[in-house]
Amino acid sequence: MYSWVVFVIFGLVCIWLTGTATNLPPAHASLPNRSITMHLPETQSVDPEIQQLVARQAKAWETADSNKVIADFADNCLFVVPGSKFKSKQEIKEAADSYFGNFTDIQVTIKRIIWKGSEGAIEWAWSEKDRETGKESQAEDAIIFELEGSQIKYWREYIDKESNQG
């Protein structure tokens, strides 16, 4: 059920923003036909600065570099993941360092970026390996973010680990 919630939230964000999107194929392109029909605006290129910011965030997590994770965040920011809220760059850094202590081999695949004005959405796939057990896991992640100038002031992740379980 949680995977449908993420899908619906991301779909609503797509409709709400009706902004520009990358020219990558939609993540749902390989899914079997369903009875849900959604008409999205024609895709266009996203501002290169936004693409670079998203790529920097993905790379910072892949390289386990908490200083690079927080480099794009404003001093007064909010970072939300299921079950946790971090209200400053320092709190985000501490959470990232804790995460990196528990997980390795992080891979992020950016699937889609939608951007309009100062707000956007990201869809990316995430994989990781638990350092203690060696167990690998994957998740689909929809992210809503907002910039203040060129810095992230709001970042909220809707993580779906269920639809990737075989």
C-alpha atoms as a PDB file:
ATOM      1  CA  MET A   1       0.000   0.000   0.000  1.00  0.00           C
ATOM      2  CA  TYR A   2       2.822   2.414   0.837  1.00  0.00           C
ATOM      3  CA  SER A   3       4.141   2.195  -2.729  1.00  0.00           C
ATOM      4  CA  TRP A   4       0.797   3.478  -4.034  1.00  0.00           C
ATOM      5  CA  VAL A   5       0.937   6.370  -1.579  1.00  0.00           C
ATOM      6  CA  VAL A   6       4.357   7.389  -2.932  1.00  0.00           C
ATOM      7  CA  PHE A   7       3.091   6.988  -6.508  1.00  0.00           C
ATOM      8  CA  VAL A   8       0.002   9.123  -5.835  1.00  0.00           C
ATOM      9  CA  ILE A   9       1.989  11.814  -3.996  1.00  0.00           C
ATOM     10  CA  PHE A  10       4.542  12.023  -6.785  1.00  0.00           C
ATOM     11  CA  GLY A  11       1.772  12.098  -9.407  1.00  0.00           C
ATOM     12  CA  LEU A  12       0.025  14.914  -7.618  1.00  0.00           C
ATOM     13  CA  VAL A  13       3.288  16.835  -7.395  1.00  0.00           C
ATOM     14  CA  CYS A  14       3.763  16.362 -11.146  1.00  0.00           C
ATOM     15  CA  ILE A  15       0.311  17.747 -11.825  1.00  0.00           C
ATOM     16  CA  TRP A  16       0.693  20.538  -9.265  1.00  0.00           C
ATOM     17  CA  LEU A  17       4.015  21.764 -10.540  1.00  0.00           C
ATOM     18  CA  THR A  18       3.160  21.421 -14.225  1.00  0.00           C
ATOM     19  CA  GLY A  19       6.638  22.763 -14.658  1.00  0.00           C
ATOM     20  CA  THR A  20       9.513  21.345 -16.601  1.00  0.00           C
ATOM     21  CA  ALA A  21      10.872  17.842 -16.342  1.00  0.00           C
ATOM     22  CA  THR A  22      13.967  16.083 -17.556  1.00  0.00           C
ATOM     23  CA  ASN A  23      13.779  14.265 -20.838  1.00  0.00           C
ATOM     24  CA  LEU A  24      14.490  10.936 -19.124  1.00  0.00           C
ATOM     25  CA  PRO A  25      11.825   8.267 -19.701  1.00  0.00           C
ATOM     26  CA  PRO A  26       9.285   8.064 -16.886  1.00  0.00           C
ATOM     27  CA  ALA A  27      10.111   5.539 -14.181  1.00  0.00           C
ATOM     28  CA  HIS A  28       6.779   3.826 -14.771  1.00  0.00           C
ATOM     29  CA  ALA A  29       7.550   3.153 -18.459  1.00  0.00           C
ATOM     30  CA  SER A  30       8.551  -0.453 -17.732  1.00  0.00           C
ATOM     31  CA  LEU A  31       5.510  -1.216 -15.544  1.00  0.00           C
ATOM     32  CA  PRO A  32       2.625  -3.290 -16.899  1.00  0.00           C
ATOM     33  CA  ASN A  33      -0.436  -1.327 -18.024  1.00  0.00           C
ATOM     34  CA  ARG A  34      -2.677  -0.257 -15.152  1.00  0.00           C
ATOM     35  CA  SER A  35      -6.077   1.393 -15.080  1.00  0.00           C
ATOM     36  CA  ILE A  36      -4.603   4.701 -13.921  1.00  0.00           C
ATOM     37  CA  THR A  37      -4.237   7.358 -16.613  1.00  0.00           C
ATOM     38  CA  MET A  38      -2.173  10.468 -16.010  1.00  0.00           C
ATOM     39  CA  HIS A  39      -1.456  13.114 -18.619  1.00  0.00           C
ATOM     40  CA  LEU A  40       1.705  15.057 -17.863  1.00  0.00           C
ATOM     41  CA  PRO A  41       2.929  18.195 -19.606  1.00  0.00           C
ATOM     42  CA  GLU A  42       5.412  17.771 -22.424  1.00  0.00           C
ATOM     43  CA  THR A  43       8.869  17.226 -20.964  1.00  0.00           C
ATOM     44  CA  GLN A  44      11.540  19.869 -21.312  1.00  0.00           C
ATOM     45  CA  SER A  45      15.014  20.360 -19.957  1.00  0.00           C
ATOM     46  CA  VAL A  46      15.406  21.348 -16.326  1.00  0.00           C
ATOM     47  CA  ASP A  47      17.644  24.297 -15.470  1.00  0.00           C
ATOM     48  CA  PRO A  48      21.248  22.986 -15.505  1.00  0.00           C
ATOM     49  CA  GLU A  49      21.875  24.494 -12.045  1.00  0.00           C
ATOM     50  CA  ILE A  50      19.037  22.392 -10.609  1.00  0.00           C
ATOM     51  CA  GLN A  51      20.324  19.278 -12.392  1.00  0.00           C
ATOM     52  CA  GLN A  52      23.793  19.943 -10.937  1.00  0.00           C
ATOM     53  CA  LEU A  53      22.398  20.444  -7.418  1.00  0.00           C
ATOM     54  CA  VAL A  54      20.517  17.127  -7.583  1.00  0.00           C
ATOM     55  CA  ALA A  55      23.576  15.366  -9.036  1.00  0.00           C
ATOM     56  CA  ARG A  56      25.752  16.819  -6.235  1.00  0.00           C
ATOM     57  CA  GLN A  57      23.334  15.503  -3.613  1.00  0.00           C
ATOM     58  CA  ALA A  58      23.305  12.039  -5.191  1.00  0.00           C
ATOM     59  CA  LYS A  59      27.118  11.984  -5.416  1.00  0.00           C
ATOM     60  CA  ALA A  60      27.523  13.217  -1.816  1.00  0.00           C
ATOM     61  CA  TRP A  61      25.429  10.299  -0.554  1.00  0.00           C
ATOM     62  CA  GLU A  62      27.195   7.805  -2.835  1.00  0.00           C
ATOM     63  CA  THR A  63      30.618   8.928  -1.604  1.00  0.00           C
ATOM     64  CA  ALA A  64      29.501   9.088   2.048  1.00  0.00           C
ATOM     65  CA  ASP A  65      30.560  12.718   2.374  1.00  0.00           C
ATOM     66  CA  SER A  66      28.385  14.462   4.962  1.00  0.00           C
ATOM     67  CA  ASN A  67      30.142  17.792   4.381  1.00  0.00           C
ATOM     68  CA  LYS A  68      29.071  17.689   0.724  1.00  0.00           C
ATOM     69  CA  VAL A  69      25.559  16.576   1.724  1.00  0.00           C
ATOM     70  CA  ILE A  70      25.069  19.735   3.795  1.00  0.00           C
ATOM     71  CA  ALA A  71      26.959  22.082   1.447  1.00  0.00           C
ATOM     72  CA  ASP A  72      23.816  22.804  -0.606  1.00  0.00           C
ATOM     73  CA  PHE A  73      21.586  23.378   2.435  1.00  0.00           C
ATOM     74  CA  ALA A  74      20.679  26.783   3.869  1.00  0.00           C
ATOM     75  CA  ASP A  75      21.570  27.429   7.509  1.00  0.00           C
ATOM     76  CA  ASN A  76      17.860  27.590   8.362  1.00  0.00           C
ATOM     77  CA  CYS A  77      16.582  24.372   6.752  1.00  0.00           C
ATOM     78  CA  LEU A  78      14.367  21.365   7.287  1.00  0.00           C
ATOM     79  CA  PHE A  79      15.262  17.817   6.171  1.00  0.00           C
ATOM     80  CA  VAL A  80      12.512  15.213   6.665  1.00  0.00           C
ATOM     81  CA  VAL A  81      12.672  11.450   6.147  1.00  0.00           C
ATOM     82  CA  PRO A  82      10.096   8.952   7.415  1.00  0.00           C
ATOM     83  CA  GLY A  83      10.286   9.037  11.200  1.00  0.00           C
ATOM     84  CA  SER A  84      12.804  11.902  11.534  1.00  0.00           C
ATOM     85  CA  LYS A  85      13.130  15.670  11.145  1.00  0.00           C
ATOM     86  CA  PHE A  86      16.432  17.545  11.107  1.00  0.00           C
ATOM     87  CA  LYS A  87      16.256  21.316  11.541  1.00  0.00           C
ATOM     88  CA  SER A  88      19.807  22.459  10.850  1.00  0.00           C
ATOM     89  CA  LYS A  89      22.861  21.667   8.767  1.00  0.00           C
ATOM     90  CA  GLN A  90      24.547  20.255  11.891  1.00  0.00           C
ATOM     91  CA  GLU A  91      21.642  17.890  12.605  1.00  0.00           C
ATOM     92  CA  ILE A  92      21.662  16.736   8.962  1.00  0.00           C
ATOM     93  CA  LYS A  93      25.435  16.170   9.114  1.00  0.00           C
ATOM     94  CA  GLU A  94      25.163  14.121  12.312  1.00  0.00           C
ATOM     95  CA  ALA A  95      22.331  12.017  10.846  1.00  0.00           C
ATOM     96  CA  ALA A  96      24.269  11.454   7.611  1.00  0.00           C
ATOM     97  CA  ASP A  97      27.425  10.454   9.530  1.00  0.00           C
ATOM     98  CA  SER A  98      25.363   7.994  11.579  1.00  0.00           C
ATOM     99  CA  TYR A  99      23.823   6.579   8.402  1.00  0.00           C
ATOM    100  CA  PHE A 100      27.247   6.224   6.750  1.00  0.00           C
ATOM    101  CA  GLY A 101      28.437   4.328   9.815  1.00  0.00           C
ATOM    102  CA  ASN A 102      25.706   1.751   9.256  1.00  0.00           C
ATOM    103  CA  PHE A 103      25.513   1.529   5.454  1.00  0.00           C
ATOM    104  CA  THR A 104      27.926   1.344   2.522  1.00  0.00           C
ATOM    105  CA  ASP A 105      27.892   0.809  -1.254  1.00  0.00           C
ATOM    106  CA  ILE A 106      25.246   3.494  -1.717  1.00  0.00           C
ATOM    107  CA  GLN A 107      24.072   3.944  -5.298  1.00  0.00           C
ATOM    108  CA  VAL A 108      21.640   6.637  -6.425  1.00  0.00           C
ATOM    109  CA  THR A 109      20.006   6.661  -9.852  1.00  0.00           C
ATOM    110  CA  ILE A 110      18.243   9.905 -10.727  1.00  0.00           C
ATOM    111  CA  LYS A 111      15.103   9.064 -12.692  1.00  0.00           C
ATOM    112  CA  ARG A 112      13.296  12.376 -12.952  1.00  0.00           C
ATOM    113  CA  ILE A 113      13.549  15.997 -11.859  1.00  0.00           C
ATOM    114  CA  ILE A 114      10.605  18.390 -11.977  1.00  0.00           C
ATOM    115  CA  TRP A 115      11.155  22.071 -11.319  1.00  0.00           C
ATOM    116  CA  LYS A 116       9.070  25.245 -11.212  1.00  0.00           C
ATOM    117  CA  GLY A 117       9.966  28.541  -9.569  1.00  0.00           C
ATOM    118  CA  SER A 118      11.713  27.691  -6.305  1.00  0.00           C
ATOM    119  CA  GLU A 119      10.152  24.252  -5.784  1.00  0.00           C
ATOM    120  CA  GLY A 120      10.809  20.865  -7.238  1.00  0.00           C
ATOM    121  CA  ALA A 121      10.485  17.123  -7.058  1.00  0.00           C
ATOM    122  CA  ILE A 122      12.978  14.342  -7.622  1.00  0.00           C
ATOM    123  CA  GLU A 123      12.415  10.690  -8.261  1.00  0.00           C
ATOM    124  CA  TRP A 124      15.433   8.504  -7.676  1.00  0.00           C
ATOM    125  CA  ALA A 125      16.272   4.880  -6.962  1.00  0.00           C
ATOM    126  CA  TRP A 126      18.491   4.092  -3.974  1.00  0.00           C
ATOM    127  CA  SER A 127      20.484   1.003  -3.043  1.00  0.00           C
ATOM    128  CA  GLU A 128      22.687   0.308  -0.040  1.00  0.00           C
ATOM    129  CA  LYS A 129      24.419  -2.453   1.900  1.00  0.00           C
ATOM    130  CA  ASP A 130      24.120  -2.899   5.661  1.00  0.00           C
ATOM    131  CA  ARG A 131      27.667  -2.885   7.099  1.00  0.00           C
ATOM    132  CA  GLU A 132      26.794  -5.336   9.896  1.00  0.00           C
ATOM    133  CA  THR A 133      24.758  -7.935   7.994  1.00  0.00           C
ATOM    134  CA  GLY A 134      25.949  -7.405   4.425  1.00  0.00           C
ATOM    135  CA  LYS A 135      22.300  -7.368   3.329  1.00  0.00           C
ATOM    136  CA  GLU A 136      21.604  -5.238   0.256  1.00  0.00           C
ATOM    137  CA  SER A 137      18.392  -3.261  -0.044  1.00  0.00           C
ATOM    138  CA  GLN A 138      16.764  -0.970  -2.574  1.00  0.00           C
ATOM    139  CA  ALA A 139      14.163   1.773  -2.389  1.00  0.00           C
ATOM    140  CA  GLU A 140      12.281   4.137  -4.652  1.00  0.00           C
ATOM    141  CA  ASP A 141      12.353   7.683  -3.353  1.00  0.00           C
ATOM    142  CA  ALA A 142      10.210  10.710  -4.177  1.00  0.00           C
ATOM    143  CA  ILE A 143      11.617  13.978  -2.837  1.00  0.00           C
ATOM    144  CA  ILE A 144       9.974  17.377  -2.571  1.00  0.00           C
ATOM    145  CA  PHE A 145      12.408  20.259  -2.150  1.00  0.00           C
ATOM    146  CA  GLU A 146      12.444  24.037  -2.025  1.00  0.00           C
ATOM    147  CA  LEU A 147      15.275  26.458  -2.585  1.00  0.00           C
ATOM    148  CA  GLU A 148      15.973  29.825  -1.062  1.00  0.00           C
ATOM    149  CA  GLY A 149      18.313  31.458  -3.549  1.00  0.00           C
ATOM    150  CA  SER A 150      20.548  28.583  -4.551  1.00  0.00           C
ATOM    151  CA  GLN A 151      20.356  26.694  -1.241  1.00  0.00           C
ATOM    152  CA  ILE A 152      17.981  23.986  -0.093  1.00  0.00           C
ATOM    153  CA  LYS A 153      15.684  25.186   2.680  1.00  0.00           C
ATOM    154  CA  TYR A 154      13.260  22.219   2.585  1.00  0.00           C
ATOM    155  CA  TRP A 155      13.871  18.575   1.616  1.00  0.00           C
ATOM    156  CA  ARG A 156      11.302  15.865   2.298  1.00  0.00           C
ATOM    157  CA  GLU A 157      11.697  12.244   1.241  1.00  0.00           C
ATOM    158  CA  TYR A 158       8.923   9.714   0.693  1.00  0.00           C
ATOM    159  CA  ILE A 159      10.792   6.404   0.674  1.00  0.00           C
ATOM    160  CA  ASP A 160       9.227   3.209  -0.660  1.00  0.00           C
ATOM    161  CA  LYS A 161      11.155   0.056   0.230  1.00  0.00           C
ATOM    162  CA  GLU A 162       8.178  -2.274  -0.273  1.00  0.00           C
ATOM    163  CA  SER A 163       7.811  -2.308  -4.064  1.00  0.00           C
ATOM    164  CA  ASN A 164      11.430  -3.447  -4.512  1.00  0.00           C
ATOM    165  CA  GLN A 165      11.097  -6.524  -2.315  1.00  0.00           C
ATOM    166  CA  GLY A 166      11.040  -9.657  -4.383  1.00  0.00           C
END
